[in-house]
Amino acid sequence: MQIELIHRPGNTAAKIQLDQGESCTAESGAMIAMSGNMDITTTTHKKQSGGLLKAVKRMMAGESLFLNHFEPKAGAGEVWLGATLAGDMMTYDLDQESLIVQSGSFLACESSVEVDLGWQGFKSFLSGESVFWLNLRGSGNVLLNSFGAIYPVEVNGEYIVDTGHIVAFNESLDFSLTKVGGSWLKSFLGGEGIVCKFKGRGTVWCQSHNPTSFGSAMSSDLKARKV
């Protein structure tokens, strides 16, 4: 599977080339276009398996209920994928490891990658941003999307990131919820609320815009215009 990212960074689309016998898994509704010999199989989890419970958990994580599996027939083929919100994309090559992905950032992966749709924990309840995370593990290419620009933050010790700006992070990092200011009141009055403190050594990929804040701003603007 070969991935080419087009029109970066503001309106990125992904062009995925698949050889015969290869397949990729993508979020439902992500397809922009595809070659005529591309075959699509739609399931609630992995190709040739249902997994309704995992599909329900994926919905709770902000992902779609169904996954599409693309596989070319009679030769190579290509499929173009796009994200819901304008922004950038990134690829990550898993090498027998795990990558924790924030809700809504997963776009596609090779069929060899295992998508654990039920990875969760008490620490995952991030101030209403997300109850569930996705755990992508194994080996193969992963395609993620962001709202706005996407950039890596190398952590060696401690680092604090706003929960709504997290795209993904290495599983080698431990994290906990904390406040920004000297008290919880000051933290919420400052507009930051609960943030995520990472400890250890690894990478956190961040996005420049917060989808929740953007939605709230748009909603307020629309109400004002209506009045």
Protein backbone atom coordinates (compact mmCIF):
# COMPACT_ATOMS: atom_id res chain seq x y z
CA MET A 1 0.00 0.00 0.00
CA GLN A 2 1.44 3.37 -1.06
CA ILE A 3 -0.01 6.64 0.28
CA GLU A 4 0.47 10.04 -1.37
CA LEU A 5 -0.81 13.15 0.44
CA ILE A 6 -2.09 15.88 -1.89
CA HIS A 7 -2.76 19.63 -1.29
CA ARG A 8 -1.15 19.79 2.14
CA PRO A 9 -1.58 21.14 4.72
CA GLY A 10 -4.95 22.94 4.63
CA ASN A 11 -7.07 20.69 2.41
CA THR A 12 -5.25 17.38 2.35
CA ALA A 13 -6.50 14.36 0.46
CA ALA A 14 -4.90 10.91 0.38
CA LYS A 15 -4.27 8.95 -2.80
CA ILE A 16 -3.81 5.28 -1.92
CA GLN A 17 -2.31 2.85 -4.43
CA LEU A 18 -3.10 -0.82 -3.89
CA ASP A 19 -1.57 -3.76 -5.73
CA GLN A 20 -3.67 -6.78 -6.54
CA GLY A 21 -4.10 -8.79 -3.35
CA GLU A 22 -3.64 -5.76 -1.09
CA SER A 23 -6.47 -4.12 0.82
CA CYS A 24 -7.00 -1.19 3.15
CA THR A 25 -9.60 -0.35 5.77
CA ALA A 26 -11.15 3.13 5.92
CA GLU A 27 -13.78 5.02 7.83
CA SER A 28 -17.24 4.98 6.28
CA GLY A 29 -17.84 8.05 4.09
CA ALA A 30 -14.13 8.84 3.65
CA MET A 31 -13.97 7.89 -0.03
CA ILE A 32 -13.68 10.72 -2.57
CA ALA A 33 -13.10 8.61 -5.70
CA MET A 34 -11.70 5.25 -6.78
CA SER A 35 -10.69 3.26 -9.83
CA GLY A 36 -13.34 1.17 -11.55
CA ASN A 37 -11.81 -2.16 -10.55
CA MET A 38 -11.96 -1.42 -6.82
CA ASP A 39 -14.09 -3.80 -4.77
CA ILE A 40 -15.66 -2.57 -1.50
CA THR A 41 -16.71 -4.70 1.45
CA THR A 42 -18.55 -3.02 4.34
CA THR A 43 -18.46 -4.50 7.83
CA THR A 44 -18.78 -3.40 11.43
CA HIS A 45 -15.19 -4.43 12.20
CA LYS A 46 -12.56 -6.41 10.30
CA LYS A 47 -13.15 -7.76 6.81
CA GLN A 48 -15.03 -11.07 7.00
CA SER A 49 -15.97 -10.49 10.64
CA GLY A 50 -18.83 -8.62 12.28
CA GLY A 51 -17.98 -7.32 15.71
CA LEU A 52 -21.22 -5.45 16.51
CA LEU A 53 -20.14 -4.73 20.10
CA LYS A 54 -16.90 -3.16 18.88
CA ALA A 55 -18.87 -1.15 16.33
CA VAL A 56 -21.08 0.27 19.10
CA LYS A 57 -17.96 1.17 21.09
CA ARG A 58 -16.54 2.85 17.99
CA MET A 59 -19.69 4.98 17.70
CA MET A 60 -19.23 6.04 21.33
CA ALA A 61 -15.69 7.06 20.40
CA GLY A 62 -17.02 9.38 17.71
CA GLU A 63 -16.23 7.05 14.82
CA SER A 64 -18.70 5.70 12.26
CA LEU A 65 -20.58 2.44 12.78
CA PHE A 66 -19.20 0.82 9.62
CA LEU A 67 -15.77 0.34 8.06
CA ASN A 68 -15.11 0.01 4.32
CA HIS A 69 -12.50 -2.41 3.01
CA PHE A 70 -11.06 -1.58 -0.43
CA GLU A 71 -9.40 -4.24 -2.61
CA PRO A 72 -8.63 -3.96 -6.35
CA LYS A 73 -9.60 -6.76 -8.72
CA ALA A 74 -7.75 -7.73 -11.92
CA GLY A 75 -4.68 -5.59 -11.33
CA ALA A 76 -3.69 -2.59 -9.24
CA GLY A 77 -6.09 0.16 -8.26
CA GLU A 78 -6.35 3.41 -6.36
CA VAL A 79 -8.72 5.10 -3.96
CA TRP A 80 -8.85 8.76 -2.82
CA LEU A 81 -9.81 9.51 0.77
CA GLY A 82 -10.78 12.78 2.46
CA ALA A 83 -11.60 13.93 6.00
CA THR A 84 -14.73 15.67 7.31
CA LEU A 85 -12.92 18.76 8.63
CA ALA A 86 -10.36 20.76 6.66
CA GLY A 87 -6.80 20.10 7.71
CA ASP A 88 -3.75 17.94 7.29
CA MET A 89 -3.06 14.20 7.31
CA MET A 90 -0.15 12.06 8.45
CA THR A 91 1.04 8.54 7.86
CA TYR A 92 2.65 6.32 10.48
CA ASP A 93 4.33 2.99 9.85
CA LEU A 94 3.62 0.65 12.74
CA ASP A 95 6.39 -1.84 13.45
CA GLN A 96 5.03 -4.34 15.97
CA GLU A 97 3.91 -1.53 18.27
CA SER A 98 0.80 0.37 19.37
CA LEU A 99 -0.40 3.88 18.60
CA ILE A 100 -3.17 5.49 20.65
CA VAL A 101 -5.45 7.65 18.48
CA GLN A 102 -7.89 10.33 19.57
CA SER A 103 -11.55 10.09 18.57
CA GLY A 104 -12.20 11.20 14.99
CA SER A 105 -8.54 11.16 13.89
CA PHE A 106 -8.48 7.65 12.40
CA LEU A 107 -8.97 7.58 8.62
CA ALA A 108 -7.49 4.36 7.22
CA CYS A 109 -4.95 1.58 7.69
CA GLU A 110 -3.58 -1.54 6.08
CA SER A 111 -5.58 -4.69 6.66
CA SER A 112 -2.67 -6.09 8.71
CA VAL A 113 -3.21 -3.44 11.42
CA GLU A 114 -5.45 -4.42 14.33
CA VAL A 115 -7.90 -1.69 15.37
CA ASP A 116 -8.87 -2.18 18.99
CA LEU A 117 -12.15 -0.30 19.12
CA GLY A 118 -12.68 -0.83 22.83
CA TRP A 119 -9.46 0.52 24.37
CA GLN A 120 -10.55 2.62 27.27
CA GLY A 121 -9.96 3.41 30.91
CA PHE A 122 -10.85 5.91 33.59
CA LYS A 123 -8.10 8.23 32.36
CA SER A 124 -9.74 8.28 28.93
CA PHE A 125 -12.65 10.40 30.15
CA LEU A 126 -11.18 13.69 28.93
CA SER A 127 -13.44 16.53 29.97
CA GLY A 128 -16.15 15.54 27.50
CA GLU A 129 -13.70 15.39 24.58
CA SER A 130 -13.74 11.60 24.35
CA VAL A 131 -14.69 8.58 26.43
CA PHE A 132 -12.88 6.07 24.23
CA TRP A 133 -9.57 5.98 22.40
CA LEU A 134 -8.55 3.72 19.55
CA ASN A 135 -5.54 1.45 19.87
CA LEU A 136 -3.90 0.66 16.52
CA ARG A 137 -1.38 -2.13 16.88
CA GLY A 138 0.71 -4.52 14.84
CA SER A 139 2.59 -3.70 11.63
CA GLY A 140 1.53 -1.65 8.62
CA ASN A 141 0.71 1.85 7.42
CA VAL A 142 -1.79 4.02 9.29
CA LEU A 143 -3.45 7.17 7.94
CA LEU A 144 -4.64 9.84 10.39
CA ASN A 145 -6.27 13.24 9.86
CA SER A 146 -6.30 16.46 11.87
CA PHE A 147 -8.38 19.61 12.11
CA GLY A 148 -5.93 22.25 10.89
CA ALA A 149 -2.17 21.66 10.92
CA ILE A 150 -0.64 18.59 12.51
CA TYR A 151 2.74 18.54 14.20
CA PRO A 152 4.75 16.27 16.51
CA VAL A 153 5.76 17.14 20.06
CA GLU A 154 8.69 15.10 21.36
CA VAL A 155 8.25 14.30 25.05
CA ASN A 156 11.20 13.45 27.26
CA GLY A 157 10.02 13.92 30.80
CA GLU A 158 6.72 15.81 31.18
CA TYR A 159 4.53 17.74 28.73
CA ILE A 160 1.02 19.19 28.95
CA VAL A 161 -1.39 19.18 25.99
CA ASP A 162 -4.98 20.40 25.73
CA THR A 163 -7.22 17.36 25.31
CA GLY A 164 -9.00 18.72 22.23
CA HIS A 165 -5.71 19.15 20.36
CA ILE A 166 -4.46 15.57 20.67
CA VAL A 167 -4.36 13.48 17.48
CA ALA A 168 -2.33 10.48 18.62
CA PHE A 169 0.53 9.43 20.87
CA ASN A 170 2.92 6.54 21.44
CA GLU A 171 1.77 3.94 23.93
CA SER A 172 5.13 4.31 25.68
CA LEU A 173 3.81 7.54 27.21
CA ASP A 174 1.84 7.55 30.44
CA PHE A 175 -0.77 10.26 30.90
CA SER A 176 -2.99 11.76 33.56
CA LEU A 177 -5.59 14.52 33.77
CA THR A 178 -4.70 17.74 35.52
CA LYS A 179 -5.47 21.45 35.71
CA VAL A 180 -3.52 24.28 34.08
CA GLY A 181 -3.60 26.95 36.77
CA GLY A 182 -3.05 26.89 40.49
CA SER A 183 -6.65 25.84 41.12
CA TRP A 184 -9.46 24.12 39.26
CA LEU A 185 -11.50 27.34 39.30
CA LYS A 186 -8.73 29.35 37.63
CA SER A 187 -8.18 26.56 35.12
CA PHE A 188 -11.81 26.57 34.00
CA LEU A 189 -12.12 30.37 34.08
CA GLY A 190 -9.06 30.55 31.84
CA GLY A 191 -10.88 28.45 29.24
CA GLU A 192 -8.53 25.46 29.42
CA GLY A 193 -10.39 23.21 31.84
CA ILE A 194 -8.85 19.75 32.07
CA VAL A 195 -5.60 19.07 30.21
CA CYS A 196 -3.52 15.95 29.66
CA LYS A 197 -0.09 15.56 31.27
CA PHE A 198 2.19 13.12 29.49
CA LYS A 199 5.14 11.46 31.21
CA GLY A 200 7.92 9.36 29.75
CA ARG A 201 9.55 9.33 26.37
CA GLY A 202 7.67 9.35 23.07
CA THR A 203 5.77 11.52 20.60
CA VAL A 204 2.42 13.30 20.84
CA TRP A 205 0.93 14.48 17.55
CA CYS A 206 -1.17 17.63 17.96
CA GLN A 207 -3.65 19.50 15.78
CA SER A 208 -3.77 23.29 15.60
CA HIS A 209 -7.57 23.53 15.95
CA ASN A 210 -9.99 22.10 18.50
CA PRO A 211 -13.14 20.60 16.86
CA THR A 212 -15.26 21.04 20.01
CA SER A 213 -14.31 24.71 20.43
CA PHE A 214 -14.89 25.31 16.71
CA GLY A 215 -18.34 23.73 16.90
CA SER A 216 -19.27 25.87 19.91
CA ALA A 217 -18.09 29.03 18.15
CA MET A 218 -20.03 28.18 15.00
CA SER A 219 -23.16 27.39 17.01
CA SER A 220 -22.99 30.74 18.84
CA ASP A 221 -22.42 32.58 15.58
CA LEU A 222 -25.38 30.89 13.92
CA LYS A 223 -27.65 31.72 16.88
CA ALA A 224 -26.56 35.35 16.74
CA ARG A 225 -27.24 35.55 13.01
CA LYS A 226 -30.66 33.97 13.48
CA VAL A 227 -31.65 36.58 16.06
